[in-house]
């Protein structure tokens, strides 16, 4: 007749000894070696969870079609401005200029992720107006997926000024991620998935560049236009608009995240196997007590 296994469970064997034995001394030494060295390592390295690692990922970036432009038209503080925020435009009054805007995003390597934003703007001016400086703010949706799922709203800020009035500004740079703290290694991180500019606010303070940039820089996770290369062209013809062109790339990023390694768990694993070997092989004299049985006589 053939036999087969119908059920199984682990057997628990207890090992008994008196207080004043080598086995008791061994157990005391093992406990000290298990817990004291990890505490010393933690003290010297500021915690059990001390490791950090990195990985590379190209973010999923999309331009949000939110723009704020301020152009200085004299050295005495005169300016013209335009934005995609109706409340702000209504407050600008005679300083408002409506430009012609062209936006294009490109996936240059055809991998399904956008690589480049080309933003072009033509700002109409009065015959007696000149442009001495430009401030441009663009907002983006920024996402990461490889480890944790990161979703946030971010911005790029462009600024350039000259003592000579210009006809055109061309600027090129990378939209880089800035981390003050490592990102979580899993889960959803959407703390900053809120608008950088409160478009519903009727108050001028909500659109003040000082307030916007100051609040944005308080975040632990931001983007910044890195390595901008401005080209300022002079000699604007009378009646022609001021031209601005920005090329902003979305490059591969190196993301920092915490790499969790518990020193204590390593010591527990090692010394558990040492104890099992010592007692199962009776290296030190103990009294094994089998499951549901009487102690073996040694």
Protein backbone atom coordinates (compact mmCIF):
# COMPACT_ATOMS: atom_id res chain seq x y z
CA UNK A 1 0.00 0.00 0.00
CA UNK A 2 1.35 3.44 -0.96
CA UNK A 3 1.59 6.12 1.71
CA UNK A 4 1.35 9.87 1.24
CA UNK A 5 1.66 12.90 3.47
CA UNK A 6 -1.67 14.33 4.58
CA UNK A 7 -0.46 17.01 6.99
CA UNK A 8 2.75 18.45 8.47
CA UNK A 9 3.77 20.97 11.11
CA UNK A 10 7.07 22.04 12.68
CA UNK A 11 8.13 20.40 15.95
CA UNK A 12 9.21 22.57 18.86
CA UNK A 13 12.09 21.24 20.93
CA UNK A 14 12.96 22.97 24.19
CA UNK A 15 16.41 22.82 25.76
CA UNK A 16 16.59 23.13 29.53
CA UNK A 17 19.50 23.73 31.87
CA UNK A 18 20.18 25.08 35.34
CA UNK A 19 21.31 28.61 36.06
CA UNK A 20 24.98 28.05 36.74
CA UNK A 21 26.01 26.24 33.58
CA UNK A 22 28.05 26.91 30.47
CA UNK A 23 24.81 27.02 28.44
CA UNK A 24 23.50 29.90 30.57
CA UNK A 25 26.79 31.76 30.17
CA UNK A 26 26.68 31.13 26.41
CA UNK A 27 23.13 32.49 26.20
CA UNK A 28 24.14 35.63 28.12
CA UNK A 29 27.11 36.24 25.80
CA UNK A 30 24.93 35.72 22.71
CA UNK A 31 22.34 38.22 23.95
CA UNK A 32 25.05 40.81 24.60
CA UNK A 33 26.63 40.28 21.18
CA UNK A 34 23.21 40.44 19.48
CA UNK A 35 22.04 43.77 20.89
CA UNK A 36 25.07 45.80 22.04
CA UNK A 37 27.08 45.97 18.74
CA UNK A 38 24.02 47.22 16.73
CA UNK A 39 23.50 49.94 19.34
CA UNK A 40 27.13 51.02 18.95
CA UNK A 41 26.82 51.01 15.16
CA UNK A 42 23.62 53.05 15.39
CA UNK A 43 25.27 55.56 17.72
CA UNK A 44 28.28 56.03 15.45
CA UNK A 45 26.23 56.25 12.24
CA UNK A 46 23.18 58.22 13.43
CA UNK A 47 20.61 55.44 13.34
CA UNK A 48 19.85 51.93 12.16
CA UNK A 49 18.38 53.27 8.90
CA UNK A 50 21.37 55.13 7.56
CA UNK A 51 21.73 54.14 3.93
CA UNK A 52 20.80 56.19 0.88
CA UNK A 53 20.76 55.10 -2.70
CA UNK A 54 19.98 56.59 -6.10
CA UNK A 55 18.37 55.60 -9.35
CA UNK A 56 17.85 57.22 -12.72
CA UNK A 57 14.49 58.07 -14.23
CA UNK A 58 13.24 60.45 -16.86
CA UNK A 59 10.25 62.31 -15.42
CA UNK A 60 6.89 62.69 -17.12
CA UNK A 61 6.65 66.45 -17.57
CA UNK A 62 3.86 68.46 -19.15
CA UNK A 63 3.60 72.21 -19.56
CA UNK A 64 0.52 73.47 -17.71
CA UNK A 65 -0.09 76.48 -20.00
CA UNK A 66 0.14 78.83 -17.04
CA UNK A 67 2.39 81.83 -17.68
CA UNK A 68 3.26 85.11 -16.01
CA UNK A 69 5.38 87.67 -17.86
CA UNK A 70 6.72 91.01 -16.60
CA UNK A 71 8.86 93.24 -18.83
CA UNK A 72 10.53 96.44 -17.64
CA UNK A 73 10.13 99.21 -20.21
CA UNK A 74 12.31 101.88 -18.63
CA UNK A 75 14.95 102.42 -15.98
CA UNK A 76 12.42 104.33 -13.84
CA UNK A 77 10.26 101.32 -12.98
CA UNK A 78 7.75 101.33 -15.84
CA UNK A 79 6.61 97.88 -16.95
CA UNK A 80 4.17 95.90 -19.03
CA UNK A 81 2.85 92.47 -18.09
CA UNK A 82 0.64 89.60 -19.15
CA UNK A 83 -0.51 86.32 -17.67
CA UNK A 84 -2.91 83.46 -18.22
CA UNK A 85 -4.72 84.44 -14.99
CA UNK A 86 -7.84 86.58 -15.61
CA UNK A 87 -7.83 88.13 -12.12
CA UNK A 88 -4.28 89.39 -12.56
CA UNK A 89 -4.91 90.70 -16.08
CA UNK A 90 -7.88 92.71 -14.84
CA UNK A 91 -5.65 94.36 -12.22
CA UNK A 92 -2.92 95.34 -14.71
CA UNK A 93 -5.00 98.04 -16.40
CA UNK A 94 -2.96 100.01 -18.96
CA UNK A 95 0.11 97.89 -18.22
CA UNK A 96 -1.49 94.84 -19.82
CA UNK A 97 -0.14 93.69 -23.19
CA UNK A 98 -1.63 90.68 -24.97
CA UNK A 99 1.15 88.77 -26.76
CA UNK A 100 1.06 86.14 -29.48
CA UNK A 101 2.14 82.84 -27.93
CA UNK A 102 3.29 79.59 -29.52
CA UNK A 103 3.93 76.41 -27.48
CA UNK A 104 5.27 73.07 -28.67
CA UNK A 105 6.44 70.00 -26.72
CA UNK A 106 8.53 67.32 -28.42
CA UNK A 107 9.31 63.66 -27.81
CA UNK A 108 12.65 63.62 -29.56
CA UNK A 109 13.60 59.96 -28.98
CA UNK A 110 10.06 58.58 -29.45
CA UNK A 111 9.97 56.80 -26.08
CA UNK A 112 6.55 58.11 -25.08
CA UNK A 113 7.92 60.81 -22.76
CA UNK A 114 8.23 64.46 -23.73
CA UNK A 115 11.80 65.79 -23.86
CA UNK A 116 11.55 69.46 -24.79
CA UNK A 117 9.35 72.54 -24.51
CA UNK A 118 9.66 75.29 -27.11
CA UNK A 119 7.93 78.44 -25.88
CA UNK A 120 7.72 81.50 -28.16
CA UNK A 121 6.15 84.85 -27.37
CA UNK A 122 5.81 88.15 -29.25
CA UNK A 123 5.03 91.06 -26.94
CA UNK A 124 3.49 94.16 -28.61
CA UNK A 125 4.90 97.51 -27.48
CA UNK A 126 4.09 101.18 -27.98
CA UNK A 127 6.50 103.17 -30.20
CA UNK A 128 8.13 104.83 -27.19
CA UNK A 129 8.52 101.63 -25.16
CA UNK A 130 11.71 99.58 -24.88
CA UNK A 131 12.41 96.34 -23.01
CA UNK A 132 15.28 96.36 -20.50
CA UNK A 133 14.48 93.26 -18.50
CA UNK A 134 12.21 90.21 -18.62
CA UNK A 135 10.78 87.95 -15.92
CA UNK A 136 8.95 84.84 -17.08
CA UNK A 137 7.29 82.15 -14.98
CA UNK A 138 6.06 78.85 -16.46
CA UNK A 139 4.33 76.03 -14.56
CA UNK A 140 4.60 72.27 -15.13
CA UNK A 141 3.12 68.97 -14.07
CA UNK A 142 5.97 66.72 -12.90
CA UNK A 143 5.66 62.96 -12.24
CA UNK A 144 7.92 60.02 -11.32
CA UNK A 145 6.89 56.36 -11.23
CA UNK A 146 9.86 53.98 -10.91
CA UNK A 147 10.06 53.70 -7.10
CA UNK A 148 7.44 55.83 -5.35
CA UNK A 149 4.75 57.58 -7.39
CA UNK A 150 5.60 61.27 -7.23
CA UNK A 151 3.15 63.87 -8.52
CA UNK A 152 3.69 67.61 -8.12
CA UNK A 153 3.18 71.00 -9.71
CA UNK A 154 6.42 72.87 -10.35
CA UNK A 155 7.74 75.91 -12.17
CA UNK A 156 10.58 77.33 -14.22
CA UNK A 157 11.62 80.94 -13.66
CA UNK A 158 13.45 82.95 -16.32
CA UNK A 159 15.01 86.34 -15.64
CA UNK A 160 17.34 88.52 -17.68
CA UNK A 161 18.17 92.22 -17.67
CA UNK A 162 20.41 94.57 -19.63
CA UNK A 163 21.36 98.22 -19.60
CA UNK A 164 20.75 98.23 -23.36
CA UNK A 165 17.15 97.77 -24.60
CA UNK A 166 16.61 94.52 -26.41
CA UNK A 167 14.70 93.23 -29.39
CA UNK A 168 14.81 89.54 -28.57
CA UNK A 169 15.68 87.15 -25.76
CA UNK A 170 16.55 83.53 -26.43
CA UNK A 171 17.13 81.23 -23.48
CA UNK A 172 17.91 77.52 -23.24
CA UNK A 173 18.17 75.34 -20.15
CA UNK A 174 17.21 72.12 -18.35
CA UNK A 175 14.29 71.68 -15.99
CA UNK A 176 16.14 69.96 -13.13
CA UNK A 177 14.77 68.36 -9.99
CA UNK A 178 15.99 69.69 -6.65
CA UNK A 179 15.67 67.52 -3.53
CA UNK A 180 16.29 68.75 -0.01
CA UNK A 181 15.35 65.34 1.40
CA UNK A 182 15.31 61.87 -0.22
CA UNK A 183 12.06 60.73 -1.78
CA UNK A 184 10.23 57.74 -0.26
CA UNK A 185 11.11 54.43 -1.92
CA UNK A 186 7.47 53.37 -2.35
CA UNK A 187 3.89 54.62 -2.09
CA UNK A 188 2.33 57.87 -3.29
CA UNK A 189 4.05 61.22 -2.69
CA UNK A 190 1.73 64.05 -3.74
CA UNK A 191 2.32 66.65 -1.02
CA UNK A 192 3.12 69.30 -3.65
CA UNK A 193 0.52 68.34 -6.22
CA UNK A 194 -1.18 71.71 -5.83
CA UNK A 195 -1.07 74.81 -8.01
CA UNK A 196 2.03 76.95 -7.60
CA UNK A 197 -0.13 80.02 -8.27
CA UNK A 198 -3.63 80.40 -6.86
CA UNK A 199 -5.46 81.34 -10.05
CA UNK A 200 -8.77 81.76 -8.21
CA UNK A 201 -7.47 84.51 -5.92
CA UNK A 202 -8.67 88.08 -6.60
CA UNK A 203 -5.82 89.55 -4.54
CA UNK A 204 -2.67 91.03 -6.07
CA UNK A 205 -0.45 89.34 -3.44
CA UNK A 206 -1.26 85.93 -4.92
CA UNK A 207 0.48 86.96 -8.16
CA UNK A 208 3.43 88.81 -6.66
CA UNK A 209 6.63 87.15 -7.86
CA UNK A 210 8.32 87.63 -4.49
CA UNK A 211 5.53 85.73 -2.76
CA UNK A 212 5.34 83.01 -5.41
CA UNK A 213 9.07 82.29 -5.52
CA UNK A 214 9.48 82.61 -1.74
CA UNK A 215 6.69 80.12 -1.01
CA UNK A 216 7.91 77.77 -3.73
CA UNK A 217 11.47 77.72 -2.40
CA UNK A 218 10.22 76.61 1.03
CA UNK A 219 9.32 73.23 -0.46
CA UNK A 220 11.51 70.15 -0.05
CA UNK A 221 10.98 69.20 -3.69
CA UNK A 222 11.14 71.69 -6.55
CA UNK A 223 12.31 72.14 -10.11
CA UNK A 224 14.63 74.87 -11.32
CA UNK A 225 15.81 76.01 -14.74
CA UNK A 226 19.41 74.85 -14.67
CA UNK A 227 22.24 76.20 -16.80
CA UNK A 228 20.22 78.85 -18.66
CA UNK A 229 22.10 80.35 -21.59
CA UNK A 230 20.50 83.75 -22.38
CA UNK A 231 21.11 85.47 -25.71
CA UNK A 232 20.07 89.16 -25.66
CA UNK A 233 19.60 90.71 -29.09
CA UNK A 234 19.44 94.51 -29.46
CA UNK A 235 18.18 96.73 -32.27
CA UNK A 236 14.40 96.37 -32.27
CA UNK A 237 12.74 98.04 -35.23
CA UNK A 238 10.07 100.65 -34.51
CA UNK A 239 6.63 99.08 -34.18
CA UNK A 240 7.90 95.51 -34.03
CA UNK A 241 7.13 93.31 -30.99
CA UNK A 242 9.66 92.12 -28.46
CA UNK A 243 10.39 88.45 -29.08
CA UNK A 244 11.09 85.82 -26.44
CA UNK A 245 11.96 82.21 -27.15
CA UNK A 246 12.70 79.56 -24.50
CA UNK A 247 13.86 75.99 -25.04
CA UNK A 248 13.46 73.94 -21.87
CA UNK A 249 14.59 70.31 -21.83
CA UNK A 250 13.25 67.57 -19.52
CA UNK A 251 16.40 65.51 -18.83
CA UNK A 252 17.02 62.20 -17.07
CA UNK A 253 17.22 62.70 -13.30
CA UNK A 254 19.19 61.01 -10.52
CA UNK A 255 16.69 60.47 -7.69
CA UNK A 256 17.81 60.05 -4.08
CA UNK A 257 15.83 57.75 -1.79
CA UNK A 258 16.45 56.03 1.59
CA UNK A 259 17.80 52.47 1.39
CA UNK A 260 16.67 50.65 4.52
CA UNK A 261 19.10 48.21 6.12
CA UNK A 262 18.58 47.14 9.75
CA UNK A 263 21.80 46.28 11.54
CA UNK A 264 19.81 44.64 14.36
CA UNK A 265 18.01 42.24 12.00
CA UNK A 266 21.34 41.05 10.61
CA UNK A 267 22.67 40.28 14.10
CA UNK A 268 19.44 38.50 15.09
CA UNK A 269 19.62 36.31 11.98
CA UNK A 270 23.28 35.35 12.54
CA UNK A 271 23.08 34.55 16.25
CA UNK A 272 19.80 32.64 15.87
CA UNK A 273 21.60 30.19 13.59
CA UNK A 274 24.58 29.99 15.93
CA UNK A 275 22.30 29.08 18.85
CA UNK A 276 20.47 26.48 16.78
CA UNK A 277 23.72 24.78 15.83
CA UNK A 278 25.06 24.80 19.41
CA UNK A 279 21.94 23.34 21.03
CA UNK A 280 20.88 20.91 18.30
CA UNK A 281 24.36 19.37 18.23
CA UNK A 282 24.69 19.43 22.03
CA UNK A 283 27.92 21.41 21.92
CA UNK A 284 26.89 22.56 25.40
CA UNK A 285 25.11 20.16 27.74
CA UNK A 286 21.34 20.79 27.97
CA UNK A 287 18.22 18.64 28.43
CA UNK A 288 16.14 18.51 25.21
CA UNK A 289 12.38 18.35 25.76
CA UNK A 290 10.63 16.97 22.65
CA UNK A 291 7.08 17.98 21.76
CA UNK A 292 4.48 16.44 24.10
CA UNK A 293 7.14 14.34 25.76
CA UNK A 294 9.39 13.94 28.78
CA UNK A 295 12.94 15.29 28.97
CA UNK A 296 15.60 12.98 27.57
CA UNK A 297 17.95 11.63 30.19
CA UNK A 298 21.57 12.44 29.49
